[in-house]
């Protein structure tokens, strides 16, 4: 899709010109992929304020670069950042922007040493801002990743039973997503049972599921480079009253948060809508993470839906809505879906599995 990447680079070049820089050095992997199409563990892009860009990667990815970015000049080099900085100086750049948010002091010293006569200036998270609003092709890939994730859960649910370990359940989800076409899991799958459910990012252990447990599964597929992220909490055996109470509370908070999604809404307002429901029920101290986040080439990307977060959500911005209640020593509930804000009002849900409390 060279045309899509060309259009993205033109928008990035507008930002380079606004900054008054001669070029920008793009070094964050997801941003390089967004602007070029190349997925590589060692690549960078020198994008001038005007004209074609120069893509650098090492010999392991050279053929992939020729295939995925045929419209870009290619430099095959092991030490890509220094080489591009030197090339920027050779081509007459005097002011070079760089991605300070991901550049280490050591790496910056290297590029400055390769281009001593060039002034470096922070570019900011400008490419991340471009990535917030997805192209139709990106939304199709996210939707496909979400379909794989939801189907994997539906297929694994009948296998959840007392005695199955958290680790084994996580493996079942990962394996089924792979069978359904996922590139790999979008992140390390979380399975938290019983009291472990009070830990939002619990790492699965050999703890066996037990009758009376709530079990939280947070997982997602990576497909075509794009991430899905969904969470469901189920009950093993008939749930206790307190378990139903917090489940119903979280479900209501999510419903209110989803209803707040619309074109032009402030990110902080969406978080507040759901958080107010939980706080009104006396659980303010039991929901301390943000309500959600953007998804795309990264599992957590802009925009962030959290307390005090600023910025507006607009058409074609995918976000998660994932309220939770976590009771130390007892357990917890989290429900999460991926939705896309739409210009017509509201949001379209991409993770389709039921959000009712399932009793297994």
Protein backbone atom coordinates (compact mmCIF):
# COMPACT_ATOMS: atom_id res chain seq x y z
CA UNK A 1 0.00 0.00 0.00
CA UNK A 2 2.65 2.59 -1.01
CA UNK A 3 -0.02 5.26 -1.67
CA UNK A 4 -1.26 5.09 1.92
CA UNK A 5 2.26 5.41 3.29
CA UNK A 6 3.03 8.27 0.91
CA UNK A 7 -0.02 10.16 2.17
CA UNK A 8 1.04 9.58 5.77
CA UNK A 9 4.55 10.84 5.04
CA UNK A 10 3.14 14.00 3.43
CA UNK A 11 1.19 14.72 6.61
CA UNK A 12 4.35 14.15 8.64
CA UNK A 13 6.27 16.50 6.35
CA UNK A 14 3.73 19.24 7.04
CA UNK A 15 4.65 18.87 10.72
CA UNK A 16 8.38 19.04 9.90
CA UNK A 17 7.79 22.31 8.05
CA UNK A 18 5.68 23.70 10.91
CA UNK A 19 8.59 22.99 13.25
CA UNK A 20 11.00 24.79 10.93
CA UNK A 21 13.22 21.71 10.63
CA UNK A 22 14.96 20.45 7.52
CA UNK A 23 14.19 16.81 8.25
CA UNK A 24 13.05 14.41 10.95
CA UNK A 25 14.69 11.17 12.03
CA UNK A 26 11.96 8.61 12.81
CA UNK A 27 13.30 5.88 15.08
CA UNK A 28 10.29 4.42 16.96
CA UNK A 29 9.54 1.04 15.36
CA UNK A 30 5.75 1.47 15.14
CA UNK A 31 6.19 4.92 13.62
CA UNK A 32 8.65 3.63 11.02
CA UNK A 33 6.15 0.94 10.10
CA UNK A 34 3.29 3.45 9.96
CA UNK A 35 5.17 5.69 7.53
CA UNK A 36 6.86 3.04 5.38
CA UNK A 37 5.07 -0.30 5.75
CA UNK A 38 8.25 -2.03 6.94
CA UNK A 39 8.08 -4.08 10.14
CA UNK A 40 11.64 -4.38 11.43
CA UNK A 41 13.49 -4.59 14.71
CA UNK A 42 16.21 -2.36 13.29
CA UNK A 43 15.02 0.40 10.98
CA UNK A 44 14.80 4.18 10.87
CA UNK A 45 13.52 6.76 8.42
CA UNK A 46 15.07 10.09 7.45
CA UNK A 47 12.19 12.19 6.20
CA UNK A 48 13.08 15.61 4.74
CA UNK A 49 10.70 18.54 4.87
CA UNK A 50 10.28 18.10 1.14
CA UNK A 51 11.06 15.21 -1.19
CA UNK A 52 11.45 11.47 -0.80
CA UNK A 53 12.55 9.78 2.39
CA UNK A 54 15.54 7.54 3.06
CA UNK A 55 14.81 4.24 4.81
CA UNK A 56 17.64 2.45 6.58
CA UNK A 57 17.65 -1.14 7.80
CA UNK A 58 20.17 -3.97 7.99
CA UNK A 59 20.66 -6.88 5.62
CA UNK A 60 18.17 -9.10 7.45
CA UNK A 61 15.32 -6.82 6.35
CA UNK A 62 16.65 -5.43 3.06
CA UNK A 63 14.49 -7.64 0.83
CA UNK A 64 11.43 -6.95 2.97
CA UNK A 65 12.12 -3.21 2.69
CA UNK A 66 12.34 -3.44 -1.10
CA UNK A 67 9.01 -5.29 -1.10
CA UNK A 68 7.13 -3.19 1.45
CA UNK A 69 8.55 0.27 0.70
CA UNK A 70 9.43 0.21 -3.01
CA UNK A 71 8.96 3.97 -3.36
CA UNK A 72 11.68 4.82 -0.81
CA UNK A 73 15.41 5.05 -1.24
CA UNK A 74 17.00 2.25 0.80
CA UNK A 75 20.21 2.34 2.82
CA UNK A 76 21.39 -1.08 4.01
CA UNK A 77 23.32 -0.45 7.19
CA UNK A 78 23.62 -2.12 10.61
CA UNK A 79 23.81 1.09 12.65
CA UNK A 80 20.83 2.82 11.11
CA UNK A 81 20.44 5.91 13.29
CA UNK A 82 24.03 7.12 13.06
CA UNK A 83 24.13 6.43 9.35
CA UNK A 84 20.99 8.47 8.72
CA UNK A 85 22.21 11.35 10.89
CA UNK A 86 25.45 11.45 8.90
CA UNK A 87 23.43 11.33 5.67
CA UNK A 88 21.24 14.21 6.86
CA UNK A 89 24.36 16.32 7.39
CA UNK A 90 25.79 15.28 4.02
CA UNK A 91 22.56 16.35 2.32
CA UNK A 92 22.72 19.80 3.87
CA UNK A 93 20.32 19.55 6.82
CA UNK A 94 21.00 22.09 9.52
CA UNK A 95 18.07 21.42 11.82
CA UNK A 96 17.16 17.78 12.43
CA UNK A 97 14.10 16.79 14.46
CA UNK A 98 14.18 13.52 16.41
CA UNK A 99 11.79 11.42 18.49
CA UNK A 100 12.94 12.43 21.95
CA UNK A 101 10.22 10.38 23.67
CA UNK A 102 11.97 7.14 22.75
CA UNK A 103 15.58 8.25 22.19
CA UNK A 104 18.09 7.45 24.93
CA UNK A 105 20.83 9.87 25.91
CA UNK A 106 23.43 7.44 24.57
CA UNK A 107 21.73 7.11 21.19
CA UNK A 108 21.26 10.86 20.92
CA UNK A 109 24.96 11.37 21.61
CA UNK A 110 25.71 8.99 18.74
CA UNK A 111 23.55 10.82 16.19
CA UNK A 112 24.89 14.18 17.38
CA UNK A 113 28.43 12.89 16.93
CA UNK A 114 27.68 11.75 13.38
CA UNK A 115 26.29 15.17 12.48
CA UNK A 116 28.17 17.66 14.62
CA UNK A 117 27.19 20.65 12.50
CA UNK A 118 23.48 19.80 12.69
CA UNK A 119 21.20 21.13 15.45
CA UNK A 120 18.81 18.51 16.86
CA UNK A 121 15.36 19.45 18.13
CA UNK A 122 12.63 17.29 19.71
CA UNK A 123 9.86 16.38 17.29
CA UNK A 124 7.39 15.38 19.99
CA UNK A 125 4.80 12.64 19.69
CA UNK A 126 3.59 13.98 16.35
CA UNK A 127 3.50 10.64 14.53
CA UNK A 128 1.64 9.08 17.46
CA UNK A 129 -0.95 11.86 17.06
CA UNK A 130 -1.30 11.03 13.37
CA UNK A 131 -1.78 7.37 14.27
CA UNK A 132 -4.76 8.08 16.54
CA UNK A 133 -7.19 8.38 13.62
CA UNK A 134 -7.13 5.12 11.69
CA UNK A 135 -7.38 4.54 7.96
CA UNK A 136 -10.20 2.22 6.85
CA UNK A 137 -7.59 -0.47 6.15
CA UNK A 138 -6.29 -0.19 9.72
CA UNK A 139 -9.79 -0.50 11.13
CA UNK A 140 -10.32 -3.65 9.07
CA UNK A 141 -7.19 -5.22 10.57
CA UNK A 142 -8.19 -4.26 14.13
CA UNK A 143 -11.67 -5.67 13.52
CA UNK A 144 -10.16 -8.92 12.23
CA UNK A 145 -7.94 -9.17 15.33
CA UNK A 146 -11.01 -8.61 17.51
CA UNK A 147 -13.02 -11.28 15.68
CA UNK A 148 -10.22 -13.79 16.21
CA UNK A 149 -10.04 -12.91 19.90
CA UNK A 150 -13.79 -13.20 20.46
CA UNK A 151 -14.01 -16.49 18.59
CA UNK A 152 -11.07 -17.91 20.55
CA UNK A 153 -12.85 -17.14 23.82
CA UNK A 154 -16.09 -18.67 22.60
CA UNK A 155 -14.22 -21.84 21.64
CA UNK A 156 -12.29 -22.07 24.92
CA UNK A 157 -15.17 -21.33 27.31
CA UNK A 158 -16.46 -24.96 27.30
CA UNK A 159 -13.00 -26.12 28.49
CA UNK A 160 -12.96 -23.94 31.61
CA UNK A 161 -13.52 -26.14 34.65
CA UNK A 162 -12.25 -26.68 38.21
CA UNK A 163 -8.71 -28.04 38.22
CA UNK A 164 -7.58 -26.28 35.06
CA UNK A 165 -4.66 -23.98 35.92
CA UNK A 166 -4.44 -20.29 35.10
CA UNK A 167 -1.38 -21.00 32.99
CA UNK A 168 -3.14 -23.78 31.06
CA UNK A 169 -6.14 -21.56 30.36
CA UNK A 170 -3.89 -18.81 29.05
CA UNK A 171 -2.19 -21.34 26.77
CA UNK A 172 -5.55 -22.53 25.45
CA UNK A 173 -6.50 -18.99 24.50
CA UNK A 174 -3.14 -18.31 22.86
CA UNK A 175 -3.22 -21.57 20.89
CA UNK A 176 -6.77 -21.07 19.69
CA UNK A 177 -6.00 -17.52 18.51
CA UNK A 178 -3.07 -18.91 16.52
CA UNK A 179 -5.31 -21.59 14.98
CA UNK A 180 -7.75 -18.87 13.94
CA UNK A 181 -5.05 -16.90 12.11
CA UNK A 182 -3.44 -14.59 14.68
CA UNK A 183 0.17 -13.60 14.06
CA UNK A 184 0.67 -14.12 17.80
CA UNK A 185 -0.92 -12.92 21.06
CA UNK A 186 -1.11 -9.12 21.16
CA UNK A 187 0.44 -9.21 24.65
CA UNK A 188 1.05 -11.72 27.42
CA UNK A 189 -2.36 -13.20 28.18
CA UNK A 190 -3.67 -12.54 31.69
CA UNK A 191 -5.67 -15.16 33.55
CA UNK A 192 -6.44 -14.27 37.18
CA UNK A 193 -8.60 -16.57 39.30
CA UNK A 194 -10.02 -16.24 42.79
CA UNK A 195 -8.05 -13.78 44.95
CA UNK A 196 -5.58 -13.25 42.09
CA UNK A 197 -8.37 -11.36 40.33
CA UNK A 198 -7.65 -8.42 42.63
CA UNK A 199 -4.35 -7.90 40.76
CA UNK A 200 -5.19 -6.13 37.46
CA UNK A 201 -2.10 -7.41 35.61
CA UNK A 202 -1.64 -10.74 37.35
CA UNK A 203 0.71 -13.16 35.55
CA UNK A 204 -0.87 -16.64 35.21
CA UNK A 205 0.39 -19.27 37.64
CA UNK A 206 -0.19 -22.96 38.24
CA UNK A 207 -3.05 -22.14 40.62
CA UNK A 208 -5.99 -24.43 39.70
CA UNK A 209 -9.38 -22.90 39.10
CA UNK A 210 -11.77 -23.69 41.92
CA UNK A 211 -15.52 -23.77 42.23
CA UNK A 212 -16.63 -20.39 43.53
CA UNK A 213 -13.88 -18.49 41.68
CA UNK A 214 -14.30 -15.48 39.47
CA UNK A 215 -11.83 -15.81 36.60
CA UNK A 216 -10.67 -12.76 34.65
CA UNK A 217 -9.17 -13.29 31.17
CA UNK A 218 -7.47 -10.33 29.48
CA UNK A 219 -6.13 -11.25 26.03
CA UNK A 220 -6.09 -10.36 22.38
CA UNK A 221 -4.82 -11.33 18.95
CA UNK A 222 -2.23 -9.56 16.83
CA UNK A 223 -3.27 -9.62 13.18
CA UNK A 224 -1.49 -7.86 10.33
CA UNK A 225 0.47 -5.88 12.89
CA UNK A 226 -2.65 -4.57 14.65
CA UNK A 227 -3.77 -5.38 18.19
CA UNK A 228 -6.98 -6.52 19.82
CA UNK A 229 -7.60 -6.25 23.55
CA UNK A 230 -10.58 -7.70 25.39
CA UNK A 231 -11.35 -8.86 28.92
CA UNK A 232 -14.09 -11.11 30.26
CA UNK A 233 -14.73 -12.31 33.80
CA UNK A 234 -16.60 -15.58 34.31
CA UNK A 235 -17.76 -17.54 37.34
CA UNK A 236 -16.78 -21.14 38.01
CA UNK A 237 -19.89 -22.44 39.71
CA UNK A 238 -22.69 -20.35 41.15
CA UNK A 239 -21.31 -16.92 42.18
CA UNK A 240 -21.72 -15.49 45.65
CA UNK A 241 -23.80 -12.39 46.19
CA UNK A 242 -20.79 -10.07 46.46
CA UNK A 243 -19.43 -11.45 43.19
CA UNK A 244 -22.65 -10.72 41.34
CA UNK A 245 -22.79 -7.27 42.91
CA UNK A 246 -19.36 -6.17 41.72
CA UNK A 247 -19.91 -7.79 38.32
CA UNK A 248 -23.15 -5.88 37.82
CA UNK A 249 -21.46 -2.69 38.98
CA UNK A 250 -18.58 -3.05 36.51
CA UNK A 251 -21.00 -3.93 33.70
CA UNK A 252 -23.02 -0.80 34.45
CA UNK A 253 -19.89 1.37 34.58
CA UNK A 254 -18.78 0.01 31.22
CA UNK A 255 -22.22 0.62 29.73
CA UNK A 256 -22.12 4.24 30.92
CA UNK A 257 -18.56 4.69 29.63
CA UNK A 258 -19.49 3.30 26.22
CA UNK A 259 -22.54 5.58 26.07
CA UNK A 260 -20.22 8.57 26.64
CA UNK A 261 -18.17 7.81 23.53
CA UNK A 262 -18.92 10.20 20.70
CA UNK A 263 -17.17 12.33 18.12
CA UNK A 264 -15.68 15.36 19.91
CA UNK A 265 -15.94 14.12 23.49
CA UNK A 266 -13.07 14.86 25.88
CA UNK A 267 -11.09 11.76 26.85
CA UNK A 268 -11.28 12.65 30.53
CA UNK A 269 -15.06 12.94 30.37
CA UNK A 270 -15.41 9.33 29.21
CA UNK A 271 -13.28 8.12 32.11
CA UNK A 272 -15.25 10.28 34.55
CA UNK A 273 -18.60 8.93 33.36
CA UNK A 274 -17.68 5.35 34.19
CA UNK A 275 -15.60 6.19 37.26
CA UNK A 276 -18.46 8.13 38.85
CA UNK A 277 -20.62 4.98 38.77
CA UNK A 278 -18.01 2.96 40.63
CA UNK A 279 -17.24 5.73 43.11
CA UNK A 280 -20.95 6.24 43.87
CA UNK A 281 -21.13 2.57 44.86
CA UNK A 282 -18.36 3.06 47.41
CA UNK A 283 -15.55 1.45 45.40
CA UNK A 284 -13.46 4.51 44.52
CA UNK A 285 -10.35 2.88 45.99
CA UNK A 286 -10.95 -0.34 44.09
CA UNK A 287 -10.65 1.14 40.57
CA UNK A 288 -7.36 2.94 40.20
CA UNK A 289 -6.30 2.44 36.58
CA UNK A 290 -7.48 4.41 33.56
CA UNK A 291 -10.70 3.51 31.81
CA UNK A 292 -9.04 2.64 28.52
CA UNK A 293 -6.58 3.39 25.77
CA UNK A 294 -6.14 3.50 22.04
CA UNK A 295 -5.14 0.38 20.11
CA UNK A 296 -3.40 -0.05 16.79
CA UNK A 297 0.20 -0.83 15.91
CA UNK A 298 0.78 -0.85 19.69
CA UNK A 299 -1.40 -2.42 22.35
CA UNK A 300 -1.40 0.82 24.36
CA UNK A 301 -1.29 3.97 22.29
CA UNK A 302 -2.91 7.40 22.12
CA UNK A 303 -5.47 8.41 23.18
CA UNK A 304 -5.47 7.45 26.84
CA UNK A 305 -8.79 7.48 28.70
CA UNK A 306 -7.94 8.31 32.27
CA UNK A 307 -8.47 10.77 35.08
CA UNK A 308 -7.31 14.21 34.00
CA UNK A 309 -6.49 13.14 30.44
CA UNK A 310 -7.02 15.82 27.81
CA UNK A 311 -7.74 15.71 24.10
CA UNK A 312 -10.84 14.87 22.13
CA UNK A 313 -11.94 11.61 20.58
CA UNK A 314 -12.93 11.82 16.93
CA UNK A 315 -14.25 9.71 14.10
CA UNK A 316 -12.20 6.53 13.38
CA UNK A 317 -10.42 6.49 16.73
CA UNK A 318 -10.47 2.99 18.32
CA UNK A 319 -10.32 2.78 22.11
CA UNK A 320 -10.88 0.25 24.85
CA UNK A 321 -13.36 0.73 27.68
CA UNK A 322 -12.29 -1.44 30.62
CA UNK A 323 -13.56 -0.55 34.09
CA UNK A 324 -12.79 -2.88 36.96
CA UNK A 325 -13.33 -3.44 40.67
CA UNK A 326 -10.56 -5.20 42.60
CA UNK A 327 -11.06 -6.37 46.18
CA UNK A 328 -7.75 -7.36 47.85
CA UNK A 329 -7.81 -10.89 49.21
CA UNK A 330 -11.15 -11.70 47.56
CA UNK A 331 -11.04 -11.22 43.79
CA UNK A 332 -12.04 -8.82 41.08
CA UNK A 333 -13.94 -8.12 37.89
CA UNK A 334 -12.89 -6.38 34.69
CA UNK A 335 -14.84 -6.15 31.43
CA UNK A 336 -13.15 -4.73 28.34
CA UNK A 337 -14.12 -4.10 24.75
CA UNK A 338 -12.63 -2.35 21.73
CA UNK A 339 -14.86 0.27 20.13
CA UNK A 340 -14.44 2.74 17.28
CA UNK A 341 -15.79 6.27 17.64
CA UNK A 342 -17.99 7.17 14.67
CA UNK A 343 -18.86 10.50 13.08
CA UNK A 344 -22.55 9.63 13.12
CA UNK A 345 -22.58 9.53 16.90
CA UNK A 346 -21.62 6.93 19.45
CA UNK A 347 -19.21 4.08 18.83
CA UNK A 348 -19.14 0.74 17.05
CA UNK A 349 -18.13 -2.29 19.11
CA UNK A 350 -15.56 -4.68 17.62
CA UNK A 351 -15.39 -7.35 20.36
CA UNK A 352 -18.67 -9.19 20.12
CA UNK A 353 -18.67 -11.86 22.85
CA UNK A 354 -21.44 -11.47 25.45
CA UNK A 355 -20.78 -9.24 28.44
CA UNK A 356 -23.26 -11.07 30.67
CA UNK A 357 -21.80 -12.96 33.64
CA UNK A 358 -21.26 -16.51 32.41
CA UNK A 359 -21.56 -19.26 35.02
CA UNK A 360 -19.48 -22.27 33.98
